[in-house]
């Protein structure tokens, strides 16, 4: 049980740290036009993949339950 909790917590910390890093660099890039760093994560792609995953999980759940 502790292993599963540790894996989930580690995943949340990793995604959270990447989000904070990208958010901080975006603000810094807007303030200083000479520095244009690429973000670590393309959050639009993450959002799209998350929607696809949740739609598929919902469809599978409905197929099994209903």
N, C-alpha and C. Protein backbone atom coordinates (compact mmCIF):
# COMPACT_ATOMS: atom_id res chain seq x y z
N UNK A 1 0.82 -1.20 0.00
CA UNK A 1 0.00 0.00 0.00
C UNK A 1 0.87 1.26 0.00
N UNK A 2 1.94 1.22 0.79
CA UNK A 2 2.82 2.39 0.84
C UNK A 2 3.51 2.63 -0.50
N UNK A 3 3.82 1.53 -1.21
CA UNK A 3 4.46 1.66 -2.52
C UNK A 3 3.53 2.38 -3.49
N UNK A 4 2.28 1.97 -3.53
CA UNK A 4 1.30 2.61 -4.43
C UNK A 4 1.12 4.08 -4.08
N UNK A 5 1.01 4.37 -2.80
CA UNK A 5 0.88 5.76 -2.36
C UNK A 5 2.11 6.57 -2.75
N UNK A 6 3.29 5.98 -2.60
CA UNK A 6 4.53 6.66 -2.98
C UNK A 6 4.60 6.93 -4.47
N UNK A 7 4.16 5.99 -5.29
CA UNK A 7 4.16 6.19 -6.74
C UNK A 7 3.21 7.30 -7.15
N UNK A 8 2.03 7.30 -6.56
CA UNK A 8 1.04 8.34 -6.89
C UNK A 8 1.54 9.71 -6.44
N UNK A 9 2.07 9.78 -5.23
CA UNK A 9 2.60 11.04 -4.72
C UNK A 9 3.77 11.54 -5.58
N UNK A 10 4.65 10.62 -5.99
CA UNK A 10 5.77 11.00 -6.84
C UNK A 10 5.32 11.54 -8.19
N UNK A 11 4.30 10.92 -8.77
CA UNK A 11 3.78 11.40 -10.05
C UNK A 11 3.19 12.80 -9.90
N UNK A 12 2.41 13.03 -8.83
CA UNK A 12 1.84 14.36 -8.61
C UNK A 12 2.92 15.41 -8.36
N UNK A 13 3.94 15.05 -7.62
CA UNK A 13 5.02 16.00 -7.37
C UNK A 13 5.78 16.34 -8.65
N UNK A 14 6.01 15.35 -9.50
CA UNK A 14 6.71 15.58 -10.76
C UNK A 14 5.92 16.49 -11.69
N UNK A 15 4.65 16.21 -11.86
CA UNK A 15 3.80 17.04 -12.72
C UNK A 15 3.66 18.43 -12.14
N UNK A 16 3.48 18.52 -10.83
CA UNK A 16 3.35 19.82 -10.18
C UNK A 16 4.61 20.66 -10.33
N UNK A 17 5.77 20.04 -10.15
CA UNK A 17 7.03 20.77 -10.30
C UNK A 17 7.22 21.26 -11.73
N UNK A 18 6.89 20.42 -12.72
CA UNK A 18 7.01 20.83 -14.12
C UNK A 18 6.06 21.99 -14.42
N UNK A 19 4.84 21.93 -13.88
CA UNK A 19 3.88 23.01 -14.09
C UNK A 19 4.37 24.31 -13.48
N UNK A 20 4.88 24.25 -12.26
CA UNK A 20 5.38 25.45 -11.60
C UNK A 20 6.58 26.02 -12.36
N UNK A 21 7.49 25.15 -12.80
CA UNK A 21 8.66 25.59 -13.56
C UNK A 21 8.23 26.28 -14.86
N UNK A 22 7.29 25.66 -15.58
CA UNK A 22 6.82 26.25 -16.84
C UNK A 22 6.10 27.57 -16.61
N UNK A 23 5.29 27.64 -15.57
CA UNK A 23 4.57 28.88 -15.26
C UNK A 23 5.55 30.00 -14.92
N UNK A 24 6.56 29.69 -14.13
CA UNK A 24 7.56 30.69 -13.75
C UNK A 24 8.34 31.17 -14.97
N UNK A 25 8.73 30.26 -15.86
CA UNK A 25 9.49 30.66 -17.04
C UNK A 25 8.64 31.43 -18.03
N UNK A 26 7.35 31.16 -18.09
CA UNK A 26 6.47 31.91 -18.97
C UNK A 26 6.37 33.36 -18.52
N UNK A 27 6.23 33.57 -17.22
CA UNK A 27 6.16 34.92 -16.68
C UNK A 27 7.47 35.64 -16.91
N UNK A 28 8.60 34.96 -16.70
CA UNK A 28 9.92 35.58 -16.91
C UNK A 28 10.12 35.92 -18.39
N UNK A 29 9.65 35.06 -19.29
CA UNK A 29 9.81 35.32 -20.71
C UNK A 29 8.97 36.51 -21.16
N UNK A 30 7.79 36.67 -20.56
CA UNK A 30 6.94 37.81 -20.91
C UNK A 30 7.56 39.12 -20.43
N UNK A 31 8.25 39.09 -19.29
CA UNK A 31 8.87 40.29 -18.76
C UNK A 31 10.16 40.65 -19.50
N UNK A 32 10.86 39.66 -20.01
CA UNK A 32 12.13 39.89 -20.70
C UNK A 32 12.02 39.24 -22.08
N UNK A 33 11.86 40.06 -23.11
CA UNK A 33 11.64 39.53 -24.46
C UNK A 33 12.88 38.88 -25.04
N UNK A 34 14.06 39.14 -24.49
CA UNK A 34 15.29 38.54 -25.02
C UNK A 34 15.38 37.07 -24.66
N UNK A 35 14.76 36.66 -23.57
CA UNK A 35 14.83 35.27 -23.13
C UNK A 35 13.52 34.59 -23.51
N UNK A 36 13.62 33.58 -24.38
CA UNK A 36 12.44 32.83 -24.79
C UNK A 36 12.74 31.35 -24.64
N UNK A 37 12.53 30.81 -23.46
CA UNK A 37 12.78 29.40 -23.21
C UNK A 37 11.54 28.58 -23.53
N UNK A 38 11.78 27.39 -24.03
CA UNK A 38 10.68 26.49 -24.31
C UNK A 38 10.21 25.86 -23.00
N UNK A 39 8.92 25.62 -22.87
CA UNK A 39 8.42 24.96 -21.66
C UNK A 39 8.86 23.50 -21.62
N UNK A 40 8.89 22.92 -20.43
CA UNK A 40 9.21 21.51 -20.29
C UNK A 40 8.11 20.62 -20.85
N UNK A 41 6.87 21.06 -20.70
CA UNK A 41 5.72 20.25 -21.08
C UNK A 41 4.80 21.08 -21.97
N UNK A 42 4.29 20.45 -23.03
CA UNK A 42 3.27 21.09 -23.86
C UNK A 42 1.92 20.80 -23.21
N UNK A 43 1.41 21.75 -22.44
CA UNK A 43 0.22 21.51 -21.63
C UNK A 43 -1.04 21.35 -22.46
N UNK A 44 -1.05 21.86 -23.69
CA UNK A 44 -2.21 21.64 -24.56
C UNK A 44 -2.32 20.16 -24.94
N UNK A 45 -1.18 19.54 -25.21
CA UNK A 45 -1.18 18.11 -25.54
C UNK A 45 -1.58 17.28 -24.33
N UNK A 46 -1.09 17.65 -23.16
CA UNK A 46 -1.46 16.94 -21.93
C UNK A 46 -2.96 17.01 -21.72
N UNK A 47 -3.55 18.19 -21.91
CA UNK A 47 -4.98 18.36 -21.72
C UNK A 47 -5.77 17.48 -22.71
N UNK A 48 -5.35 17.45 -23.97
CA UNK A 48 -6.02 16.64 -24.99
C UNK A 48 -5.94 15.16 -24.65
N UNK A 49 -4.75 14.69 -24.28
CA UNK A 49 -4.57 13.28 -23.94
C UNK A 49 -5.38 12.91 -22.70
N UNK A 50 -5.46 13.81 -21.72
CA UNK A 50 -6.23 13.55 -20.52
C UNK A 50 -7.72 13.43 -20.85
N UNK A 51 -8.20 14.29 -21.74
CA UNK A 51 -9.60 14.20 -22.15
C UNK A 51 -9.88 12.87 -22.86
N UNK A 52 -8.97 12.45 -23.74
CA UNK A 52 -9.15 11.18 -24.44
C UNK A 52 -9.16 10.01 -23.46
N UNK A 53 -8.25 10.05 -22.49
CA UNK A 53 -8.18 8.98 -21.49
C UNK A 53 -9.45 8.93 -20.65
N UNK A 54 -9.93 10.08 -20.21
CA UNK A 54 -11.13 10.09 -19.38
C UNK A 54 -12.37 9.66 -20.17
N UNK A 55 -12.46 10.05 -21.44
CA UNK A 55 -13.59 9.63 -22.27
C UNK A 55 -13.58 8.12 -22.49
N UNK A 56 -12.39 7.57 -22.73
CA UNK A 56 -12.29 6.12 -22.94
C UNK A 56 -12.62 5.37 -21.65
N UNK A 57 -12.11 5.86 -20.52
CA UNK A 57 -12.41 5.21 -19.24
C UNK A 57 -13.91 5.26 -18.95
N UNK A 58 -14.54 6.39 -19.23
CA UNK A 58 -15.98 6.52 -19.01
C UNK A 58 -16.75 5.56 -19.92
N UNK A 59 -16.33 5.45 -21.17
CA UNK A 59 -17.01 4.54 -22.11
C UNK A 59 -16.85 3.08 -21.67
N UNK A 60 -15.65 2.72 -21.22
CA UNK A 60 -15.43 1.35 -20.74
C UNK A 60 -16.25 1.07 -19.49
N UNK A 61 -16.30 2.04 -18.59
CA UNK A 61 -17.08 1.87 -17.37
C UNK A 61 -18.56 1.66 -17.71
N UNK A 62 -19.07 2.49 -18.60
CA UNK A 62 -20.48 2.36 -19.00
C UNK A 62 -20.74 1.03 -19.70
N UNK A 63 -19.76 0.56 -20.45
CA UNK A 63 -19.92 -0.72 -21.15
C UNK A 63 -19.99 -1.87 -20.15
N UNK A 64 -19.17 -1.82 -19.10
CA UNK A 64 -19.15 -2.88 -18.12
C UNK A 64 -20.34 -2.82 -17.16
N UNK A 65 -20.74 -1.62 -16.80
CA UNK A 65 -21.82 -1.45 -15.83
C UNK A 65 -23.19 -1.59 -16.51
N UNK A 66 -23.32 -0.95 -17.63
CA UNK A 66 -24.63 -0.87 -18.27
C UNK A 66 -24.86 -1.98 -19.19
